[in-house]
Amino acid sequence: MFRALSEEARYLMAMRAVRSVGQGALVVDFALYLHALHWSAPAIGTLFMGALLLSAMMALAVGPLSDRRGRKGFLLAYEWAQILAAGLALGSSNPWILGTAAVLGSFGHGLNGGAGPFAPVELAWLSEFVDAHERARVYSLNTAGGFTGMGIGAVLASLPHFLAPLLPGALSYRPLFALVLLTAVTGLVFLRHIPDECPVPQVQDDRPEGHALTRSENRRLLKLLGINALNGIGIGLMGPLMAYWFAIRFGHGPLSIGPVMGLALFTTAGASLFVGRLTHRFGAVRAILGMRYLGLIVLLILPFAPTFWAAAVLYVLRSALNRGTAGARQALNLGLVRGHRRGLAASLNNVSVQVPRAFGPLVAGLLYHVGFLALPFFIAGGFQALYLVLYRRLFRHLAPTGASGE
C-alpha cells in the first residue's frame, strides 16, 4: 500500500516514522533522567502538565490557521523548534533551561511521531493526499510507522546503561538528545521534497442546506470533544509516567524498561496494521471498540502483576489493544467534517484529549509520591470505560464499512 501512495504522502509518513525514533527514546528515559537529577515525582508531573497544556493551546490555534494559510510552514517551524530544544538539553541540566527545552520539544510525551502542537496540521495535510475510502487503512499504516520508530527509540533508550562508565550519573542520558536533533534535521530534509501547497479552498456556502451541514458537523465535533476528554484523563494518568512506575514499583532501570517499551511499540505497530484491515471488514467503530474493551480489561489487571516481567507482558498486550486503534480513530475524526475544515477538526480533537491529559501526570505523580501505585490505573480505567460506552452510543450510526463518514 505504501508504494501506491503519492510521493507527498510517502514523505509525510516517512517523516513521522523518523521523528518517532527520538520520541521513543525520551518516552522511556526523560522521566528517568529527571529522576536521576533528583526531581521529585510531583515536579516531574507538573513539568509534563505544563508542556501538555501549552501544546494543546497552540494546537487549537494552528489547525484552523493552516486551513487558510497552508500546512508546510508550521511543520518547518516545528522541526526548527526541536533542533533548538535538543540543543538546550544537550548543553545544560539547569532546571530552568531543561524545563524550557522539555516544554518546547514535548520531551517524553509519547507522541507516536506526531509533530507536537502541529500534529493536527500534519494529519490534515496527509488527508489531502488520501482518498476517503482508504483513509482508515492509510492512517493505520501511518501510526504503525510511528510506533515502529518509537520502538526503535525505546530500545536505544538502554544506551545510558552502557554509557554510564564514560558518563557517570545523569550525564549518561544526555546523548539521547542528539538523537532528537538528528531526527529533526532529517525532517527538514524530507520537507524540502514536499512542494509548497495552496491552502484548501474555503467553502462559502450561503444556502440553507450549507448552513445546516455546518451545524451538523459542529454537533458531531462537540460530541467527540466531550468523550475525548474522558479518554484524555485516562491516558494522562497512565502514559507519560509509565517508565517511572516500572522504576519505582520494581526497581528496574533503562536497560530492562527500554526493551520492554520497545517491544510494546513494535507490537502496537503490528496491531495498528491489523486494525486497518479490521475496519474494512467490520467498520471503524466496531474495530475500535472491540480492541479497546479488551485493552481496558488488561489495564485493570496490570497493577496486580507480581513481578516486573509479568507487568511487562501485560503492558505490551495493553499497548497493542489500546493504542493500536489510533490510526482508525484519527481517520474517523477527520471524516466528520468536509475537507476545508479538517485542520479545525484535527485541532479540536487534539485539544480535547491533551488538555484533560495534561493534568494526569500531576495527579499520578502525587499519588505515586504517597505510595498509591495502583490507584491511577483504576481511576484511568473508570474514565476509559465511560469513554467506550459513550463512543459506541454516539458513533454506532456510522456505516459499518465507512471510517470516514463521507
Protein backbone atom coordinates (compact mmCIF):
# COMPACT_ATOMS: atom_id res chain seq x y z
CA MET A 1 0.00 0.00 0.00
CA PHE A 2 2.81 2.46 0.86
CA ARG A 3 4.21 2.38 -2.67
CA ALA A 4 0.78 3.09 -4.15
CA LEU A 5 0.53 6.40 -2.27
CA SER A 6 1.52 9.76 -3.68
CA GLU A 7 5.08 10.97 -3.18
CA GLU A 8 3.86 13.70 -0.82
CA ALA A 9 2.04 11.19 1.39
CA ARG A 10 5.08 8.91 1.50
CA TYR A 11 7.36 11.74 2.62
CA LEU A 12 4.92 12.82 5.33
CA MET A 13 4.66 9.27 6.64
CA ALA A 14 8.42 8.71 6.48
CA MET A 15 8.99 11.96 8.36
CA ARG A 16 6.70 10.79 11.13
CA ALA A 17 8.47 7.43 11.38
CA VAL A 18 11.93 9.02 11.63
CA ARG A 19 10.79 11.65 14.13
CA SER A 20 9.30 8.96 16.34
CA VAL A 21 12.72 7.36 16.97
CA GLY A 22 13.83 10.28 19.13
CA GLN A 23 10.43 10.45 20.80
CA GLY A 24 10.58 6.76 21.64
CA ALA A 25 13.93 7.14 23.37
CA LEU A 26 12.67 10.01 25.51
CA VAL A 27 9.32 8.43 26.39
CA VAL A 28 11.39 5.83 28.24
CA ASP A 29 14.27 7.91 29.52
CA PHE A 30 13.19 11.51 30.02
CA ALA A 31 11.34 10.90 33.30
CA LEU A 32 14.19 8.61 34.38
CA TYR A 33 16.67 11.39 33.52
CA LEU A 34 14.75 13.84 35.69
CA HIS A 35 14.64 11.22 38.45
CA ALA A 36 18.43 10.86 38.18
CA LEU A 37 18.68 14.65 38.52
CA HIS A 38 16.70 14.30 41.79
CA TRP A 39 13.45 15.83 40.56
CA SER A 40 10.52 14.71 42.72
CA ALA A 41 7.53 12.88 41.27
CA PRO A 42 5.21 15.92 41.69
CA ALA A 43 7.80 18.15 39.98
CA ILE A 44 8.07 15.75 37.06
CA GLY A 45 4.29 15.58 36.79
CA THR A 46 3.99 19.37 36.91
CA LEU A 47 6.50 19.76 34.06
CA PHE A 48 4.61 17.26 31.92
CA MET A 49 1.34 19.00 32.70
CA GLY A 50 2.64 22.42 31.72
CA ALA A 51 4.12 21.16 28.48
CA LEU A 52 0.93 19.34 27.51
CA LEU A 53 -1.26 22.35 28.25
CA LEU A 54 0.89 24.69 26.17
CA SER A 55 0.97 22.19 23.32
CA ALA A 56 -2.81 21.86 23.40
CA MET A 57 -3.36 25.62 23.35
CA MET A 58 -1.03 26.02 20.38
CA ALA A 59 -2.74 23.16 18.54
CA LEU A 60 -6.10 24.87 18.96
CA ALA A 61 -4.80 27.86 17.02
CA VAL A 62 -2.59 26.33 14.34
CA GLY A 63 -5.01 23.75 12.94
CA PRO A 64 -7.67 26.22 11.76
CA LEU A 65 -4.95 28.68 10.71
CA SER A 66 -3.36 26.03 8.49
CA ASP A 67 -6.72 25.57 6.72
CA ARG A 68 -6.33 29.15 5.49
CA ARG A 69 -2.58 29.60 5.13
CA GLY A 70 -1.25 26.17 4.22
CA ARG A 71 0.47 23.45 6.19
CA LYS A 72 4.18 23.33 5.33
CA GLY A 73 5.36 26.41 7.21
CA PHE A 74 4.03 25.09 10.51
CA LEU A 75 5.92 21.82 10.17
CA LEU A 76 9.13 23.63 9.25
CA ALA A 77 8.75 25.70 12.42
CA TYR A 78 8.24 22.55 14.48
CA GLU A 79 11.43 20.88 13.25
CA TRP A 80 13.48 24.02 13.96
CA ALA A 81 11.95 24.16 17.46
CA GLN A 82 13.04 20.57 18.01
CA ILE A 83 16.60 21.43 17.00
CA LEU A 84 16.65 24.31 19.47
CA ALA A 85 15.14 22.22 22.29
CA ALA A 86 17.57 19.35 21.74
CA GLY A 87 20.50 21.77 21.71
CA LEU A 88 19.43 23.30 25.02
CA ALA A 89 19.03 19.89 26.67
CA LEU A 90 22.37 18.71 25.34
CA GLY A 91 24.13 21.74 26.77
CA SER A 92 22.70 22.01 30.28
CA SER A 93 20.81 20.25 33.07
CA ASN A 94 19.89 23.53 34.74
CA PRO A 95 16.24 23.08 35.78
CA TRP A 96 15.05 26.23 34.05
CA ILE A 97 16.92 25.53 30.81
CA LEU A 98 15.96 21.86 30.80
CA GLY A 99 12.36 22.70 31.66
CA THR A 100 12.19 25.20 28.80
CA ALA A 101 13.64 22.62 26.40
CA ALA A 102 11.16 19.99 27.61
CA VAL A 103 8.19 22.27 27.03
CA LEU A 104 9.48 23.41 23.64
CA GLY A 105 10.31 19.88 22.50
CA SER A 106 7.44 17.98 24.17
CA PHE A 107 10.01 15.59 25.62
CA GLY A 108 8.76 12.29 26.99
CA HIS A 109 5.13 12.62 25.92
CA GLY A 110 4.96 9.57 23.64
CA LEU A 111 3.57 11.40 20.61
CA ASN A 112 3.95 8.42 18.26
CA GLY A 113 5.89 10.58 15.81
CA GLY A 114 3.33 13.37 15.79
CA ALA A 115 4.55 16.94 15.38
CA GLY A 116 3.65 18.10 18.88
CA PRO A 117 1.25 21.07 18.78
CA PHE A 118 1.43 20.94 14.99
CA ALA A 119 0.26 17.32 14.78
CA PRO A 120 -3.24 18.42 13.64
CA VAL A 121 -1.61 20.27 10.73
CA GLU A 122 0.28 17.15 9.71
CA LEU A 123 -2.79 14.91 9.89
CA ALA A 124 -4.92 17.37 7.93
CA TRP A 125 -2.21 17.70 5.27
CA LEU A 126 -1.95 13.93 4.86
CA SER A 127 -5.72 13.68 4.37
CA GLU A 128 -5.40 15.84 1.24
CA PHE A 129 -3.32 13.13 -0.46
CA VAL A 130 -5.54 10.15 0.51
CA ASP A 131 -8.92 9.02 -0.84
CA ALA A 132 -11.68 8.97 1.76
CA HIS A 133 -12.41 5.25 1.41
CA GLU A 134 -8.73 4.40 2.08
CA ARG A 135 -8.21 6.83 4.95
CA ALA A 136 -8.60 4.33 7.81
CA ARG A 137 -6.03 1.95 6.31
CA VAL A 138 -3.57 4.72 5.43
CA TYR A 139 -3.79 6.35 8.84
CA SER A 140 -3.36 2.97 10.50
CA LEU A 141 -0.24 2.45 8.37
CA ASN A 142 0.94 5.94 9.34
CA THR A 143 0.57 5.24 13.05
CA ALA A 144 2.22 1.85 12.59
CA GLY A 145 5.27 3.63 11.19
CA GLY A 146 5.26 5.94 14.21
CA PHE A 147 5.02 3.07 16.67
CA THR A 148 7.81 1.21 14.87
CA GLY A 149 10.09 4.23 15.08
CA MET A 150 9.23 4.72 18.74
CA GLY A 151 10.00 1.05 19.33
CA ILE A 152 13.47 1.51 17.86
CA GLY A 153 13.93 4.59 20.03
CA ALA A 154 12.77 2.73 23.13
CA VAL A 155 15.39 0.04 22.51
CA LEU A 156 18.03 2.76 22.09
CA ALA A 157 16.89 4.11 25.46
CA SER A 158 19.02 1.40 27.09
CA LEU A 159 22.15 3.31 25.97
CA PRO A 160 22.56 5.18 29.29
CA HIS A 161 23.32 1.85 30.95
CA PHE A 162 26.25 1.26 28.60
CA LEU A 163 27.43 4.87 28.65
CA ALA A 164 27.50 5.04 32.44
CA PRO A 165 31.23 4.11 32.74
CA LEU A 166 32.11 7.06 30.49
CA LEU A 167 29.37 9.48 31.56
CA PRO A 168 28.55 8.85 35.21
CA GLY A 169 25.18 9.56 36.75
CA ALA A 170 22.62 11.65 34.89
CA LEU A 171 25.18 12.58 32.21
CA SER A 172 24.70 9.17 30.61
CA TYR A 173 21.23 10.27 29.45
CA ARG A 174 22.42 13.42 27.64
CA PRO A 175 23.45 11.81 24.30
CA LEU A 176 19.82 10.82 23.67
CA PHE A 177 19.03 14.46 22.92
CA ALA A 178 21.47 14.27 20.00
CA LEU A 179 19.14 11.63 18.56
CA VAL A 180 16.24 14.10 18.73
CA LEU A 181 18.37 16.72 16.99
CA LEU A 182 19.33 14.29 14.21
CA THR A 183 15.73 13.25 13.54
CA ALA A 184 14.65 16.89 13.38
CA VAL A 185 17.33 17.65 10.77
CA THR A 186 16.11 14.64 8.78
CA GLY A 187 12.58 16.03 8.97
CA LEU A 188 13.75 19.29 7.43
CA VAL A 189 15.31 17.35 4.57
CA PHE A 190 12.08 15.45 3.94
CA LEU A 191 10.05 18.66 3.97
CA ARG A 192 12.23 20.07 1.20
CA HIS A 193 10.87 17.35 -1.09
CA ILE A 194 7.22 18.25 -0.44
CA PRO A 195 6.22 21.27 -2.54
CA ASP A 196 4.56 24.30 -1.02
CA GLU A 197 0.83 23.77 -1.31
CA CYS A 198 -2.08 26.12 -1.74
CA PRO A 199 -4.47 26.27 1.21
CA VAL A 200 -7.60 24.18 0.93
CA PRO A 201 -10.24 26.40 -0.73
CA GLN A 202 -12.72 27.75 1.80
CA VAL A 203 -16.25 26.74 1.01
CA GLN A 204 -18.58 29.75 1.00
CA ASP A 205 -21.98 28.15 1.03
CA ASP A 206 -24.74 30.58 1.98
CA ARG A 207 -27.52 28.20 1.07
CA PRO A 208 -29.71 26.95 3.94
CA GLU A 209 -28.55 23.40 3.32
CA GLY A 210 -24.92 24.56 3.56
CA HIS A 211 -25.51 26.12 6.96
CA ALA A 212 -27.38 23.00 8.05
CA LEU A 213 -24.41 20.83 7.06
CA THR A 214 -22.04 23.04 9.04
CA ARG A 215 -24.30 22.84 12.10
CA SER A 216 -24.46 19.07 11.73
CA GLU A 217 -20.67 18.87 11.59
CA ASN A 218 -20.39 21.09 14.64
CA ARG A 219 -22.73 18.84 16.62
CA ARG A 220 -20.60 15.83 15.74
CA LEU A 221 -17.45 17.63 16.81
CA LEU A 222 -18.97 18.67 20.13
CA LYS A 223 -19.93 15.08 20.86
CA LEU A 224 -16.41 13.97 20.03
CA LEU A 225 -14.88 16.64 22.26
CA GLY A 226 -16.91 15.52 25.25
CA ILE A 227 -16.00 11.87 25.07
CA ASN A 228 -12.38 12.61 24.14
CA ALA A 229 -11.99 14.47 27.42
CA LEU A 230 -12.73 11.24 29.30
CA ASN A 231 -10.18 9.38 27.22
CA GLY A 232 -7.60 12.11 27.76
CA ILE A 233 -7.83 11.88 31.54
CA GLY A 234 -7.27 8.14 31.38
CA ILE A 235 -4.29 8.50 29.05
CA GLY A 236 -2.69 11.19 31.20
CA LEU A 237 -2.84 9.05 34.32
CA MET A 238 -1.08 6.18 32.57
CA GLY A 239 1.10 7.12 29.62
CA PRO A 240 3.71 9.77 30.49
CA LEU A 241 4.89 8.23 33.78
CA MET A 242 4.74 4.54 32.84
CA ALA A 243 8.52 4.13 32.73
CA TYR A 244 8.72 5.91 36.09
CA TRP A 245 6.10 3.50 37.50
CA PHE A 246 8.19 0.50 36.40
CA ALA A 247 11.25 2.07 38.05
CA ILE A 248 9.68 2.77 41.45
CA ARG A 249 7.49 -0.34 41.58
CA PHE A 250 10.12 -2.92 40.59
CA GLY A 251 13.43 -1.06 40.89
CA HIS A 252 14.39 -1.52 37.23
CA GLY A 253 16.25 0.95 35.05
CA PRO A 254 16.53 1.75 31.33
CA LEU A 255 18.37 -1.49 30.49
CA SER A 256 15.19 -3.52 31.06
CA ILE A 257 12.47 -0.85 30.76
CA GLY A 258 13.66 0.33 27.33
CA PRO A 259 13.41 -3.04 25.54
CA VAL A 260 10.03 -3.74 27.17
CA MET A 261 8.60 -0.47 25.96
CA GLY A 262 10.24 -1.03 22.59
CA LEU A 263 8.55 -4.42 22.28
CA ALA A 264 5.24 -2.83 23.27
CA LEU A 265 5.61 -0.26 20.49
CA PHE A 266 6.61 -2.82 17.85
CA THR A 267 3.61 -4.93 18.85
CA THR A 268 1.39 -1.87 18.70
CA ALA A 269 2.62 -1.15 15.17
CA GLY A 270 1.51 -4.63 14.12
CA ALA A 271 -1.81 -4.15 15.88
CA SER A 272 -2.32 -0.87 14.04
CA LEU A 273 -1.93 -2.61 10.68
CA PHE A 274 -4.32 -5.32 11.86
CA VAL A 275 -6.92 -2.74 12.88
CA GLY A 276 -6.59 -1.13 9.45
CA ARG A 277 -7.75 -4.41 7.93
CA LEU A 278 -10.48 -4.90 10.51
CA THR A 279 -12.02 -1.54 9.57
CA HIS A 280 -12.66 -2.79 6.05
CA ARG A 281 -14.41 -5.89 7.33
CA PHE A 282 -16.30 -4.63 10.40
CA GLY A 283 -16.15 -0.83 10.16
CA ALA A 284 -14.01 1.59 12.15
CA VAL A 285 -16.28 1.87 15.19
CA ARG A 286 -16.63 -1.88 15.78
CA ALA A 287 -12.91 -2.46 15.28
CA ILE A 288 -12.00 0.32 17.71
CA LEU A 289 -14.43 -0.77 20.41
CA GLY A 290 -13.53 -4.45 20.22
CA MET A 291 -9.83 -3.78 20.68
CA ARG A 292 -10.24 -1.17 23.39
CA TYR A 293 -12.66 -3.18 25.55
CA LEU A 294 -10.02 -5.92 25.69
CA GLY A 295 -7.36 -3.31 26.47
CA LEU A 296 -9.45 -2.00 29.36
CA ILE A 297 -9.57 -5.44 30.96
CA VAL A 298 -5.78 -5.75 30.73
CA LEU A 299 -5.34 -2.25 32.19
CA LEU A 300 -7.28 -3.20 35.33
CA ILE A 301 -5.21 -6.36 35.79
CA LEU A 302 -1.83 -4.69 35.24
CA PRO A 303 -1.26 -3.15 38.73
CA PHE A 304 -1.71 -6.60 40.32
CA ALA A 305 1.26 -8.06 38.40
CA PRO A 306 3.58 -9.64 40.99
CA THR A 307 6.84 -9.29 39.02
CA PHE A 308 8.42 -6.91 36.56
CA TRP A 309 8.20 -9.39 33.70
CA ALA A 310 4.55 -10.21 34.37
CA ALA A 311 3.79 -6.49 34.32
CA ALA A 312 5.85 -6.14 31.15
CA VAL A 313 3.79 -8.78 29.32
CA LEU A 314 0.55 -7.12 30.36
CA TYR A 315 1.86 -3.70 29.37
CA VAL A 316 2.82 -4.94 25.90
CA LEU A 317 -0.61 -6.51 25.42
CA ARG A 318 -2.46 -3.47 26.69
CA SER A 319 -0.46 -1.13 24.44
CA ALA A 320 -1.30 -3.15 21.34
CA LEU A 321 -5.00 -3.35 22.14
CA ASN A 322 -5.40 0.28 23.18
CA ARG A 323 -3.00 2.32 21.08
CA GLY A 324 -3.29 0.12 18.01
CA THR A 325 -6.61 1.82 17.24
CA ALA A 326 -5.10 5.32 16.99
CA GLY A 327 -4.97 5.45 13.19
CA ALA A 328 -8.55 4.31 12.74
CA ARG A 329 -9.71 6.88 15.31
CA GLN A 330 -7.84 9.66 13.52
CA ALA A 331 -9.46 8.71 10.21
CA LEU A 332 -12.90 8.62 11.81
CA ASN A 333 -12.40 12.01 13.44
CA LEU A 334 -11.26 13.75 10.25
CA GLY A 335 -14.15 12.22 8.34
CA LEU A 336 -16.67 14.06 10.50
CA VAL A 337 -16.18 17.27 8.50
CA ARG A 338 -15.53 18.46 4.95
CA GLY A 339 -12.00 18.92 3.62
CA HIS A 340 -11.74 22.66 4.23
CA ARG A 341 -12.43 22.14 7.98
CA ARG A 342 -10.09 19.22 8.68
CA GLY A 343 -7.41 21.39 10.29
CA LEU A 344 -10.09 22.63 12.69
CA ALA A 345 -11.34 19.10 13.34
CA ALA A 346 -7.83 17.77 13.97
CA SER A 347 -7.06 20.66 16.34
CA LEU A 348 -10.26 20.25 18.35
CA ASN A 349 -9.67 16.52 18.58
CA ASN A 350 -6.11 17.12 19.78
CA VAL A 351 -7.08 19.73 22.36
CA SER A 352 -10.00 17.73 23.74
CA VAL A 353 -7.58 14.90 24.55
CA GLN A 354 -4.47 16.86 25.51
CA VAL A 355 -5.95 19.38 27.95
CA PRO A 356 -7.52 16.72 30.24
CA ARG A 357 -4.46 14.53 29.66
CA ALA A 358 -2.20 17.32 30.91
CA PHE A 359 -3.48 17.01 34.47
CA GLY A 360 -2.97 13.23 34.58
CA PRO A 361 0.82 13.21 35.17
CA LEU A 362 0.49 15.65 38.08
CA VAL A 363 -2.25 13.57 39.73
CA ALA A 364 -0.38 10.33 39.10
CA GLY A 365 2.88 11.84 40.37
CA LEU A 366 1.23 12.95 43.61
CA LEU A 367 -0.35 9.52 44.11
CA TYR A 368 2.94 7.73 43.41
CA HIS A 369 4.72 10.09 45.80
CA VAL A 370 2.49 9.00 48.70
CA GLY A 371 2.65 5.31 47.78
CA PHE A 372 -0.61 4.72 45.86
CA LEU A 373 0.96 2.87 42.94
CA ALA A 374 -2.21 1.09 41.76
CA LEU A 375 -4.84 3.79 42.20
CA PRO A 376 -4.02 5.74 38.98
CA PHE A 377 -4.69 2.56 36.97
CA PHE A 378 -8.15 2.16 38.45
CA ILE A 379 -9.09 5.82 38.02
CA ALA A 380 -7.86 5.68 34.41
CA GLY A 381 -9.86 2.51 33.84
CA GLY A 382 -13.05 4.13 35.09
CA PHE A 383 -12.71 7.11 32.75
CA GLN A 384 -11.86 4.91 29.77
CA ALA A 385 -14.80 2.59 30.45
CA LEU A 386 -17.19 5.55 30.36
CA TYR A 387 -15.47 6.79 27.20
CA LEU A 388 -16.08 3.49 25.42
CA VAL A 389 -19.74 3.35 26.41
CA LEU A 390 -20.37 6.86 25.10
CA TYR A 391 -18.23 6.28 22.00
CA ARG A 392 -20.46 3.41 20.99
CA ARG A 393 -23.65 5.35 21.64
CA LEU A 394 -22.52 8.39 19.69
CA PHE A 395 -20.98 6.73 16.66
CA ARG A 396 -22.82 3.44 16.19
CA HIS A 397 -24.94 5.03 13.45
CA LEU A 398 -21.95 5.19 11.06
CA ALA A 399 -21.98 2.76 8.18
CA PRO A 400 -20.03 -0.40 9.07
CA THR A 401 -17.81 -0.12 6.02
CA GLY A 402 -17.02 3.57 6.31
CA ALA A 403 -14.45 5.11 8.56
CA SER A 404 -14.74 8.49 7.03
CA GLY A 405 -18.33 9.44 7.42
CA GLU A 406 -18.28 10.86 3.87
